[in-house]
Amino acid sequence: MTFRSYEMFVISEMIKSSVIEILRTFSDEELLSFEEFIRTPFHNKNAMLIRFFKILKEYHPKYKGVNFTKENLYLQMTGKSKYKDTYIRNLLSDLHNLAEKFIQINMIGRDNSLERLLIEELKNRDLYEIAAKKIKSFEKKVTSEKLKDHEYYLNKNFIYEMNSFLIVDKTLTDNFRKEQISCIIKLYMITLMESSFYLRVEEQRVRIKHRFDFLKHVLKYMEMHLNEFEDSPLLMIYFYLWQCYFCEDDERYFLKAKEYFKKNFSALTKIDKKNIYSVMQVFYINKIDKGETEYNKKYLDFLLEMLNMNILSHKNNDSIGLNLYRNIIILCLMLNETDILKKFILKYISFVEKESRHAVLTYSNSQLYFLQGNFEKALELCGKINFNDLLIKGNDNLYFKNDIKTLTLKCLYELNAFENTISQIDTFKHFIRNSKLIKDDVRKRFINFLNIVNRLIKLKNKFDASEFEDLKLKFKNTKKIIHSAWISAKICELENKNV
């Protein structure tokens, strides 16, 4: 298998500047809008910046090449060959400030923030009649939205508050207060559930526990008045997911959440879709952690569905999240899905953030070579991974490190390098036992794996039928163990050779 060179993915940067990074993200339409923006005297009175931008945009969108240097930009701007760095740095800095201002204005205009700010300011200026007309128009727009998410209830509550202020001296009763309280409750519930989901996902990843007592009270209230929340699909999805997790991963609730998710998928925002997919993964992981290995294939199919729906990460630049990427790699390894893994790497390695891409490609190829039976090459790549290029903190790379430690051990075993394997087991055990982040049940899975591999090595060196039968029984009764399929295959190999 020959992979495309990593170098083809690297963007050659001859000028390192934050404004260049920003300009790279601009579409052709945004580039034209930005040029109009900097030509407007209200935003920019420096004609040199307009000229400088016209030169820069010739290099859009890659902003690279032999001519894309500060020296050449200086020559084009001044006609002088003796370069002055402060001149170009100042232009880049000023353009950066304008680019940020342009993004801010675009961002405000993209949602309802600008309209809320305008209505608020009209009210502050005592322009009540104009404000009332704007509120009426805004309310019509908000009410027409199909998805009743966090933004929807935020807007509805804003409208209620503004209307309340405008009529406070004109009526004795606010007949909309009941609806307002309902919106406040729904906004609060969505916010609480979303925030709690982050904690739930964190619990699944590392050794940490959070309290959800208050959330349980909220869910109980919602369950008692469920028909009042049917108009909010997002809230219903969250409700059934939480019911699933609090009821020992009851699949009935999970399937109900999936039903609502599928039915309302097109109306959900991309960030909501990614959040829901992330939270749903916990269900599959919990099932697998309980020894229900048939969920490995279901989990892989679920993640591949995410890819097909183009839900790769929380970002808008179509980069793939490392946790999603890793989970697909490991599931392919566990299920011996060589073809799926090969196609996945080829298609999605270019979606990995460029600063992590080389390390991730090495990590991916090490797993693929192992599946293909090239244990020497897999072992070689295990020693070449720079974990500092993956996640931000060393501790964040815990699972990647454990993957490679496990793969290294398996490669050594396959290559009959038993002395090195035993040494690796001792080192790995020490690492697992001393890690403060690894959850206790995960720690137990690793320790059980290491103990059984250690016994397999002893039996390969000196076979004992009684000891082998004891090992088979031990493995059969051990639910908490990693890479059980590989262990089972090694036990079968040993049995076929000696029995």
Protein backbone atom coordinates (compact mmCIF):
# COMPACT_ATOMS: atom_id res chain seq x y z
CA MET A 1 0.00 0.00 0.00
CA THR A 2 1.50 3.34 -1.02
CA PHE A 3 0.20 6.49 0.61
CA ARG A 4 0.32 9.95 -0.82
CA SER A 5 3.22 11.89 0.61
CA TYR A 6 2.41 13.98 3.64
CA GLU A 7 4.23 16.90 2.06
CA MET A 8 1.48 17.36 -0.50
CA PHE A 9 -0.85 18.40 2.32
CA VAL A 10 1.46 21.02 3.80
CA ILE A 11 0.74 24.62 2.88
CA SER A 12 4.03 26.34 2.13
CA GLU A 13 4.05 29.61 4.03
CA MET A 14 6.59 32.13 2.86
CA ILE A 15 4.86 34.87 4.85
CA LYS A 16 3.71 34.02 8.36
CA SER A 17 1.02 36.49 9.34
CA SER A 18 -2.34 36.16 11.08
CA VAL A 19 -4.07 38.30 8.43
CA ILE A 20 -2.88 35.90 5.73
CA GLU A 21 -4.41 33.03 7.70
CA ILE A 22 -7.69 34.98 7.89
CA LEU A 23 -7.70 35.86 4.18
CA ARG A 24 -7.18 32.19 3.27
CA THR A 25 -10.57 31.41 4.79
CA PHE A 26 -12.41 34.03 2.70
CA SER A 27 -14.55 32.80 -0.17
CA ASP A 28 -14.42 34.72 -3.45
CA GLU A 29 -17.65 36.46 -2.47
CA GLU A 30 -16.26 37.42 0.94
CA LEU A 31 -13.09 38.70 -0.69
CA LEU A 32 -15.12 41.08 -2.86
CA SER A 33 -17.14 42.21 0.16
CA PHE A 34 -13.95 42.80 2.14
CA GLU A 35 -12.53 44.92 -0.67
CA GLU A 36 -15.70 47.06 -0.64
CA PHE A 37 -15.41 47.21 3.14
CA ILE A 38 -11.86 48.61 3.14
CA ARG A 39 -12.72 51.05 0.34
CA THR A 40 -15.39 52.63 2.56
CA PRO A 41 -13.92 55.73 4.27
CA PHE A 42 -16.02 55.03 7.36
CA HIS A 43 -13.90 51.91 7.97
CA ASN A 44 -10.59 52.83 6.33
CA LYS A 45 -9.01 56.12 5.28
CA ASN A 46 -5.61 54.66 4.35
CA ALA A 47 -5.40 54.41 0.55
CA MET A 48 -2.14 52.45 0.86
CA LEU A 49 -4.03 49.59 2.50
CA ILE A 50 -6.43 49.37 -0.46
CA ARG A 51 -3.48 49.15 -2.83
CA PHE A 52 -1.74 46.61 -0.59
CA PHE A 53 -4.84 44.42 -0.49
CA LYS A 54 -5.18 44.51 -4.30
CA ILE A 55 -1.65 43.06 -4.51
CA LEU A 56 -2.35 40.42 -1.86
CA LYS A 57 -5.60 39.18 -3.41
CA GLU A 58 -3.72 38.15 -6.55
CA TYR A 59 -2.34 35.30 -4.45
CA HIS A 60 -5.78 34.20 -3.13
CA PRO A 61 -6.61 31.62 -1.83
CA LYS A 62 -3.28 29.83 -1.24
CA TYR A 63 -1.06 32.87 -0.65
CA LYS A 64 2.11 31.10 -1.59
CA GLY A 65 4.66 30.92 -4.38
CA VAL A 66 8.19 32.05 -5.09
CA ASN A 67 7.04 35.66 -5.49
CA PHE A 68 4.97 35.73 -2.34
CA THR A 69 7.57 37.26 -0.04
CA LYS A 70 7.66 40.39 2.08
CA GLU A 71 10.52 41.68 -0.04
CA ASN A 72 8.53 41.35 -3.25
CA LEU A 73 5.43 42.93 -1.68
CA TYR A 74 7.60 45.85 -0.55
CA LEU A 75 9.04 46.22 -4.07
CA GLN A 76 5.54 46.24 -5.60
CA MET A 77 4.31 48.80 -3.08
CA THR A 78 7.27 51.22 -3.16
CA GLY A 79 9.31 50.40 -6.26
CA LYS A 80 12.36 50.22 -3.99
CA SER A 81 14.61 47.18 -3.73
CA LYS A 82 16.03 47.98 -0.26
CA TYR A 83 13.56 46.20 2.01
CA LYS A 84 12.13 47.80 5.20
CA ASP A 85 10.40 45.22 7.37
CA THR A 86 8.48 47.73 9.52
CA TYR A 87 6.67 49.04 6.43
CA ILE A 88 5.21 45.64 5.50
CA ARG A 89 4.60 44.65 9.12
CA ASN A 90 2.56 47.80 9.69
CA LEU A 91 0.48 47.20 6.57
CA LEU A 92 -0.16 43.60 7.58
CA SER A 93 -1.09 44.70 11.10
CA ASP A 94 -3.52 47.38 9.89
CA LEU A 95 -5.08 45.00 7.41
CA HIS A 96 -5.43 42.42 10.17
CA ASN A 97 -7.43 44.87 12.29
CA LEU A 98 -9.75 45.60 9.37
CA ALA A 99 -10.18 41.87 8.63
CA GLU A 100 -11.20 41.22 12.24
CA LYS A 101 -13.66 44.13 12.15
CA PHE A 102 -15.11 42.77 8.88
CA ILE A 103 -15.58 39.33 10.45
CA GLN A 104 -17.26 40.83 13.50
CA ILE A 105 -19.78 42.74 11.40
CA ASN A 106 -20.45 39.68 9.22
CA MET A 107 -20.84 37.49 12.29
CA ILE A 108 -23.37 39.82 13.89
CA GLY A 109 -25.33 39.99 10.67
CA ARG A 110 -25.36 36.20 10.30
CA ASP A 111 -27.69 35.58 13.26
CA ASN A 112 -30.26 37.70 15.07
CA SER A 113 -27.80 39.63 17.24
CA LEU A 114 -27.84 42.71 15.03
CA GLU A 115 -31.65 42.96 15.10
CA ARG A 116 -31.73 42.54 18.88
CA LEU A 117 -29.06 45.20 19.29
CA LEU A 118 -30.98 47.59 17.02
CA ILE A 119 -34.26 47.10 18.88
CA GLU A 120 -32.49 47.56 22.21
CA GLU A 121 -30.89 50.79 21.04
CA LEU A 122 -34.19 52.15 19.64
CA LYS A 123 -35.75 51.48 23.05
CA ASN A 124 -32.84 53.21 24.82
CA ARG A 125 -33.36 56.26 22.60
CA ASP A 126 -37.07 56.34 23.51
CA LEU A 127 -38.03 55.62 19.91
CA TYR A 128 -40.85 53.35 21.04
CA GLU A 129 -43.04 53.42 17.93
CA ILE A 130 -40.15 52.49 15.65
CA ALA A 131 -39.03 49.84 18.16
CA ALA A 132 -42.54 48.36 18.27
CA LYS A 133 -42.60 48.01 14.46
CA LYS A 134 -39.18 46.37 14.50
CA ILE A 135 -40.27 43.96 17.24
CA LYS A 136 -43.37 42.98 15.26
CA SER A 137 -41.27 42.28 12.17
CA PHE A 138 -38.67 40.41 14.21
CA GLU A 139 -41.34 38.30 15.93
CA LYS A 140 -42.80 37.28 12.57
CA LYS A 141 -39.37 36.14 11.42
CA VAL A 142 -38.59 34.22 14.63
CA THR A 143 -42.00 32.52 14.77
CA SER A 144 -41.52 31.17 11.23
CA GLU A 145 -38.38 29.25 12.25
CA LYS A 146 -38.97 25.50 12.31
CA LEU A 147 -36.18 24.56 14.72
CA LYS A 148 -36.92 25.60 18.26
CA ASP A 149 -33.41 25.57 19.64
CA HIS A 150 -31.40 27.72 22.05
CA GLU A 151 -31.38 30.70 19.65
CA TYR A 152 -35.13 30.46 19.06
CA TYR A 153 -36.04 30.63 22.76
CA LEU A 154 -33.45 33.35 23.34
CA ASN A 155 -35.14 35.47 20.65
CA LYS A 156 -38.64 34.74 21.95
CA ASN A 157 -37.69 35.79 25.47
CA PHE A 158 -36.12 38.95 24.10
CA ILE A 159 -39.35 39.79 22.26
CA TYR A 160 -41.41 39.21 25.41
CA GLU A 161 -39.12 41.46 27.44
CA MET A 162 -39.23 44.25 24.86
CA ASN A 163 -43.01 44.06 24.52
CA SER A 164 -43.37 44.08 28.29
CA PHE A 165 -41.32 47.28 28.52
CA LEU A 166 -43.29 49.01 25.78
CA ILE A 167 -46.74 48.31 27.27
CA VAL A 168 -45.86 48.52 30.97
CA ASP A 169 -47.79 51.80 31.42
CA LYS A 170 -50.67 50.88 29.11
CA THR A 171 -52.14 47.71 30.63
CA LEU A 172 -52.78 46.05 33.96
CA THR A 173 -52.15 42.52 32.67
CA ASP A 174 -49.45 41.01 30.52
CA ASN A 175 -51.38 38.27 28.74
CA PHE A 176 -48.23 36.83 27.19
CA ARG A 177 -46.50 36.06 30.51
CA LYS A 178 -47.58 32.41 30.50
CA GLU A 179 -45.94 31.85 27.09
CA GLN A 180 -42.87 33.75 28.23
CA ILE A 181 -42.43 31.53 31.29
CA SER A 182 -42.75 28.48 29.03
CA CYS A 183 -40.00 29.84 26.75
CA ILE A 184 -37.76 30.61 29.73
CA ILE A 185 -38.20 27.03 31.01
CA LYS A 186 -37.38 25.55 27.57
CA LEU A 187 -34.38 27.81 27.08
CA TYR A 188 -33.10 26.86 30.51
CA MET A 189 -33.64 23.14 29.91
CA ILE A 190 -31.81 23.16 26.57
CA THR A 191 -28.92 25.10 28.12
CA LEU A 192 -28.72 22.78 31.14
CA MET A 193 -28.89 19.59 29.08
CA GLU A 194 -26.32 20.76 26.53
CA SER A 195 -23.88 21.83 29.25
CA SER A 196 -24.40 18.56 31.13
CA PHE A 197 -23.72 16.54 27.98
CA TYR A 198 -20.17 17.92 27.92
CA LEU A 199 -19.71 16.55 31.43
CA ARG A 200 -21.20 13.19 30.46
CA VAL A 201 -18.82 12.83 27.52
CA GLU A 202 -15.90 13.82 29.76
CA GLU A 203 -16.88 11.07 32.23
CA GLN A 204 -16.71 8.54 29.44
CA ARG A 205 -13.22 9.62 28.40
CA VAL A 206 -11.32 10.06 31.66
CA ARG A 207 -11.45 9.19 35.35
CA ILE A 208 -13.79 11.85 36.66
CA LYS A 209 -17.32 11.97 38.09
CA HIS A 210 -19.90 14.74 37.97
CA ARG A 211 -23.17 15.26 39.82
CA PHE A 212 -26.39 15.30 37.82
CA ASP A 213 -28.87 15.41 40.73
CA PHE A 214 -30.47 18.68 39.69
CA LEU A 215 -30.74 17.58 36.07
CA LYS A 216 -32.66 14.49 37.21
CA HIS A 217 -35.22 16.74 38.93
CA VAL A 218 -35.58 18.78 35.73
CA LEU A 219 -36.06 15.62 33.65
CA LYS A 220 -38.69 14.41 36.10
CA TYR A 221 -40.59 17.69 35.65
CA MET A 222 -40.34 17.36 31.87
CA GLU A 223 -41.54 13.75 31.98
CA MET A 224 -44.62 14.82 33.97
CA HIS A 225 -45.49 17.49 31.35
CA LEU A 226 -44.03 15.89 28.23
CA ASN A 227 -46.82 17.01 25.90
CA GLU A 228 -45.84 20.65 26.57
CA PHE A 229 -42.41 20.04 25.03
CA GLU A 230 -43.42 18.17 21.87
CA ASP A 231 -43.07 21.38 19.84
CA SER A 232 -39.32 21.41 20.48
CA PRO A 233 -37.64 18.48 18.63
CA LEU A 234 -34.18 19.36 19.95
CA LEU A 235 -35.40 19.30 23.52
CA MET A 236 -37.14 15.95 22.94
CA ILE A 237 -33.93 14.44 21.53
CA TYR A 238 -32.00 15.63 24.57
CA PHE A 239 -34.69 14.35 26.92
CA TYR A 240 -34.67 10.81 25.54
CA LEU A 241 -30.87 10.67 25.45
CA TRP A 242 -30.67 11.62 29.11
CA GLN A 243 -33.40 9.11 29.98
CA CYS A 244 -31.31 6.50 28.19
CA TYR A 245 -28.18 7.28 30.23
CA PHE A 246 -29.97 7.49 33.57
CA CYS A 247 -31.80 4.22 32.92
CA GLU A 248 -28.72 2.07 32.38
CA ASP A 249 -28.46 2.70 28.64
CA ASP A 250 -32.03 1.62 27.97
CA GLU A 251 -32.14 1.17 24.21
CA ARG A 252 -35.83 2.08 24.01
CA TYR A 253 -35.04 5.69 24.92
CA PHE A 254 -32.00 5.71 22.63
CA LEU A 255 -34.08 4.54 19.66
CA LYS A 256 -36.69 7.19 20.48
CA ALA A 257 -33.97 9.87 20.43
CA LYS A 258 -32.71 8.53 17.08
CA GLU A 259 -36.25 8.64 15.71
CA TYR A 260 -36.62 12.34 16.59
CA PHE A 261 -33.10 13.02 15.30
CA LYS A 262 -33.75 11.41 11.92
CA LYS A 263 -37.14 13.07 11.52
CA ASN A 264 -35.79 16.58 12.23
CA PHE A 265 -32.24 16.18 10.88
CA SER A 266 -32.54 18.68 8.04
CA ALA A 267 -33.87 21.41 10.37
CA LEU A 268 -31.03 21.08 12.91
CA THR A 269 -27.93 23.27 12.77
CA LYS A 270 -24.57 21.68 12.04
CA ILE A 271 -23.36 22.27 15.60
CA ASP A 272 -26.51 20.63 17.02
CA LYS A 273 -26.03 17.63 14.72
CA LYS A 274 -22.42 17.24 15.84
CA ASN A 275 -23.36 17.57 19.52
CA ILE A 276 -26.08 14.93 19.18
CA TYR A 277 -23.78 12.53 17.32
CA SER A 278 -21.09 13.04 19.99
CA VAL A 279 -23.50 12.32 22.81
CA MET A 280 -25.00 9.28 21.05
CA GLN A 281 -21.52 7.77 20.85
CA VAL A 282 -21.55 7.40 24.62
CA PHE A 283 -24.40 4.88 24.29
CA TYR A 284 -22.36 2.60 22.01
CA ILE A 285 -19.22 2.96 24.12
CA ASN A 286 -21.11 2.03 27.29
CA LYS A 287 -22.53 -1.07 25.60
CA ILE A 288 -19.06 -2.11 24.41
CA ASP A 289 -17.59 -1.45 27.87
CA LYS A 290 -20.15 -3.88 29.29
CA GLY A 291 -18.77 -6.62 27.05
CA GLU A 292 -21.52 -6.46 24.41
CA THR A 293 -19.05 -6.82 21.51
CA GLU A 294 -21.79 -6.92 18.85
CA TYR A 295 -22.03 -3.16 19.34
CA ASN A 296 -18.54 -2.68 17.85
CA LYS A 297 -19.98 -3.12 14.33
CA LYS A 298 -23.04 -1.00 15.16
CA TYR A 299 -20.75 1.73 16.50
CA LEU A 300 -18.56 1.68 13.39
CA ASP A 301 -21.65 1.92 11.15
CA PHE A 302 -22.87 4.84 13.25
CA LEU A 303 -19.55 6.71 12.84
CA LEU A 304 -19.47 6.03 9.10
CA GLU A 305 -22.99 7.48 8.95
CA MET A 306 -21.58 10.64 10.54
CA LEU A 307 -18.98 10.85 7.79
CA ASN A 308 -21.61 10.35 5.09
CA MET A 309 -23.60 13.21 6.60
CA ASN A 310 -20.43 15.35 6.55
CA ILE A 311 -20.52 15.83 10.32
CA LEU A 312 -16.78 15.76 10.94
CA SER A 313 -16.18 18.21 13.78
CA HIS A 314 -17.56 21.27 15.57
CA LYS A 315 -15.62 23.51 13.19
CA ASN A 316 -16.87 24.97 9.91
CA ASN A 317 -13.72 24.26 7.90
CA ASP A 318 -14.50 20.56 7.29
CA SER A 319 -11.64 19.37 9.49
CA ILE A 320 -12.21 16.03 11.20
CA GLY A 321 -12.13 15.75 14.98
CA LEU A 322 -9.28 13.58 16.27
CA ASN A 323 -11.54 11.62 18.62
CA LEU A 324 -13.85 10.70 15.73
CA TYR A 325 -10.86 9.82 13.54
CA ARG A 326 -9.28 7.66 16.25
CA ASN A 327 -12.51 5.83 17.07
CA ILE A 328 -12.93 4.76 13.44
CA ILE A 329 -9.32 3.57 13.26
CA ILE A 330 -9.61 1.49 16.44
CA LEU A 331 -12.97 -0.04 15.49
CA CYS A 332 -11.58 -1.06 12.08
CA LEU A 333 -8.62 -2.64 13.86
CA MET A 334 -10.85 -4.55 16.28
CA LEU A 335 -13.18 -5.75 13.50
CA ASN A 336 -10.38 -6.54 11.01
CA GLU A 337 -11.95 -4.13 8.50
CA THR A 338 -8.83 -3.61 6.39
CA ASP A 339 -10.59 -2.28 3.28
CA ILE A 340 -12.73 0.20 5.25
CA LEU A 341 -9.65 1.40 7.10
CA LYS A 342 -7.62 1.80 3.92
CA LYS A 343 -10.36 3.82 2.19
CA PHE A 344 -10.97 5.89 5.32
CA ILE A 345 -7.31 6.94 5.66
CA LEU A 346 -6.99 7.83 1.98
CA LYS A 347 -10.15 9.93 2.02
CA TYR A 348 -9.96 11.65 5.41
CA ILE A 349 -6.26 12.18 6.21
CA SER A 350 -6.47 15.47 4.31
CA PHE A 351 -9.28 16.57 6.69
CA VAL A 352 -6.97 16.34 9.71
CA GLU A 353 -5.63 19.70 10.91
CA LYS A 354 -2.28 20.28 9.18
CA GLU A 355 -0.26 20.58 12.41
CA SER A 356 -1.36 17.06 13.43
CA ARG A 357 -1.52 15.45 9.99
CA HIS A 358 1.92 13.85 9.85
CA ALA A 359 1.59 12.28 13.32
CA VAL A 360 -1.95 11.08 12.56
CA LEU A 361 -0.88 9.59 9.21
CA THR A 362 1.93 7.69 10.93
CA TYR A 363 -0.51 6.51 13.61
CA SER A 364 -3.02 5.41 10.96
CA ASN A 365 -0.47 3.54 8.87
CA SER A 366 0.87 1.69 11.90
CA GLN A 367 -2.63 0.26 12.52
CA LEU A 368 -3.14 -0.54 8.83
CA TYR A 369 0.20 -2.33 8.48
CA PHE A 370 -0.68 -4.43 11.54
CA LEU A 371 -3.99 -5.48 9.95
CA GLN A 372 -2.14 -6.37 6.75
CA GLY A 373 0.27 -8.56 8.75
CA ASN A 374 3.31 -6.35 8.21
CA PHE A 375 4.26 -6.33 11.90
CA GLU A 376 7.82 -5.07 11.37
CA LYS A 377 6.64 -1.97 9.51
CA ALA A 378 3.86 -1.39 12.04
CA LEU A 379 6.39 -1.61 14.88
CA GLU A 380 8.74 0.78 13.09
CA LEU A 381 6.00 3.40 12.72
CA CYS A 382 4.97 3.02 16.38
CA GLY A 383 8.32 4.51 17.36
CA LYS A 384 8.01 7.47 14.96
CA ILE A 385 4.83 9.10 16.23
CA ASN A 386 5.26 12.55 17.73
CA PHE A 387 2.43 12.81 20.27
CA ASN A 388 3.19 16.50 20.79
CA ASP A 389 1.70 17.12 17.34
CA LEU A 390 -1.66 15.62 18.30
CA LEU A 391 -3.74 17.11 21.10
CA ILE A 392 -2.83 20.24 23.07
CA LYS A 393 -1.73 18.67 26.35
CA GLY A 394 0.32 15.54 26.94
CA ASN A 395 -2.46 14.07 29.09
CA ASP A 396 -4.97 14.65 26.28
CA ASN A 397 -3.01 12.14 24.17
CA LEU A 398 -3.63 9.38 26.71
CA TYR A 399 -5.73 7.21 24.40
CA PHE A 400 -3.41 7.66 21.43
CA LYS A 401 -0.47 6.65 23.65
CA ASN A 402 -2.32 3.60 24.96
CA ASP A 403 -3.21 2.60 21.39
CA ILE A 404 0.43 2.68 20.34
CA LYS A 405 1.68 0.94 23.49
CA THR A 406 -0.86 -1.83 22.88
CA LEU A 407 -0.02 -2.07 19.19
CA THR A 408 3.72 -2.19 19.99
CA LEU A 409 3.14 -5.07 22.40
CA LYS A 410 1.03 -6.99 19.86
CA CYS A 411 3.65 -6.48 17.14
CA LEU A 412 6.41 -7.78 19.42
CA TYR A 413 4.30 -10.82 20.25
CA GLU A 414 3.57 -11.52 16.57
CA LEU A 415 7.30 -11.24 15.81
CA ASN A 416 8.11 -13.69 18.65
CA ALA A 417 10.24 -11.04 20.36
CA PHE A 418 9.15 -12.34 23.74
CA GLU A 419 11.84 -10.76 25.91
CA ASN A 420 10.96 -7.35 24.53
CA THR A 421 7.25 -8.16 24.89
CA ILE A 422 7.64 -9.01 28.59
CA SER A 423 9.62 -5.80 29.13
CA GLN A 424 6.89 -3.86 27.31
CA ILE A 425 4.23 -5.48 29.51
CA ASP A 426 6.04 -4.43 32.71
CA THR A 427 6.47 -0.86 31.48
CA PHE A 428 2.87 -0.68 30.30
CA LYS A 429 1.53 -2.02 33.61
CA HIS A 430 3.47 0.62 35.51
CA PHE A 431 2.07 3.35 33.22
CA ILE A 432 -1.53 2.10 33.55
CA ARG A 433 -1.41 1.71 37.33
CA ASN A 434 0.08 5.16 37.90
CA SER A 435 -2.10 7.15 35.52
CA LYS A 436 -4.55 9.36 37.40
CA LEU A 437 -6.71 9.95 34.31
CA ILE A 438 -7.55 6.38 33.32
CA LYS A 439 -10.92 5.21 34.61
CA ASP A 440 -10.85 2.21 36.97
CA ASP A 441 -12.83 -0.07 34.64
CA VAL A 442 -10.58 0.88 31.69
CA ARG A 443 -7.51 0.27 33.86
CA LYS A 444 -8.87 -3.20 34.69
CA ARG A 445 -9.38 -3.98 30.97
CA PHE A 446 -5.77 -3.13 30.21
CA ILE A 447 -4.40 -5.07 33.20
CA ASN A 448 -6.44 -8.16 32.26
CA PHE A 449 -5.16 -7.89 28.69
CA LEU A 450 -1.53 -7.60 29.82
CA ASN A 451 -1.84 -10.52 32.26
CA ILE A 452 -3.29 -12.83 29.61
CA VAL A 453 -0.65 -11.87 27.02
CA ASN A 454 2.00 -12.57 29.65
CA ARG A 455 0.56 -16.05 30.23
CA LEU A 456 0.34 -16.65 26.47
CA ILE A 457 4.07 -15.93 26.15
CA LYS A 458 4.92 -18.42 28.90
CA LEU A 459 2.77 -21.07 27.19
CA LYS A 460 4.42 -20.40 23.83
CA ASN A 461 7.83 -20.90 25.41
CA LYS A 462 6.75 -23.98 27.38
CA PHE A 463 3.31 -25.42 26.70
CA ASP A 464 1.37 -26.93 29.60
CA ALA A 465 -2.07 -28.40 28.83
CA SER A 466 -3.46 -27.81 32.32
CA GLU A 467 -2.21 -24.22 32.39
CA PHE A 468 -3.63 -23.67 28.91
CA GLU A 469 -7.10 -24.89 29.93
CA ASP A 470 -6.97 -22.59 32.95
CA LEU A 471 -6.07 -19.68 30.67
CA LYS A 472 -8.98 -20.46 28.33
CA LEU A 473 -11.39 -20.54 31.26
CA LYS A 474 -9.95 -17.31 32.65
CA PHE A 475 -10.36 -15.56 29.29
CA LYS A 476 -13.91 -16.92 28.84
CA ASN A 477 -14.97 -15.51 32.21
CA THR A 478 -13.24 -12.15 31.75
CA LYS A 479 -15.65 -9.56 30.38
CA LYS A 480 -13.50 -6.52 31.02
CA ILE A 481 -10.63 -6.85 28.56
CA ILE A 482 -9.38 -4.93 25.55
CA HIS A 483 -8.70 -6.49 22.14
CA SER A 484 -10.59 -9.67 23.05
CA ALA A 485 -10.86 -10.74 19.39
CA TRP A 486 -7.06 -10.67 19.00
CA ILE A 487 -6.59 -12.58 22.28
CA SER A 488 -9.12 -15.19 21.15
CA ALA A 489 -7.25 -15.62 17.85
CA LYS A 490 -3.91 -16.09 19.67
CA ILE A 491 -5.46 -18.70 21.99
CA CYS A 492 -6.81 -20.58 18.95
CA GLU A 493 -3.38 -20.48 17.28
CA LEU A 494 -1.74 -21.90 20.40
CA GLU A 495 -4.39 -24.61 20.72
CA ASN A 496 -4.09 -25.66 17.06
CA LYS A 497 -0.32 -25.92 17.40
CA ASN A 498 -0.22 -27.93 20.61
CA VAL A 499 -3.44 -29.91 20.96
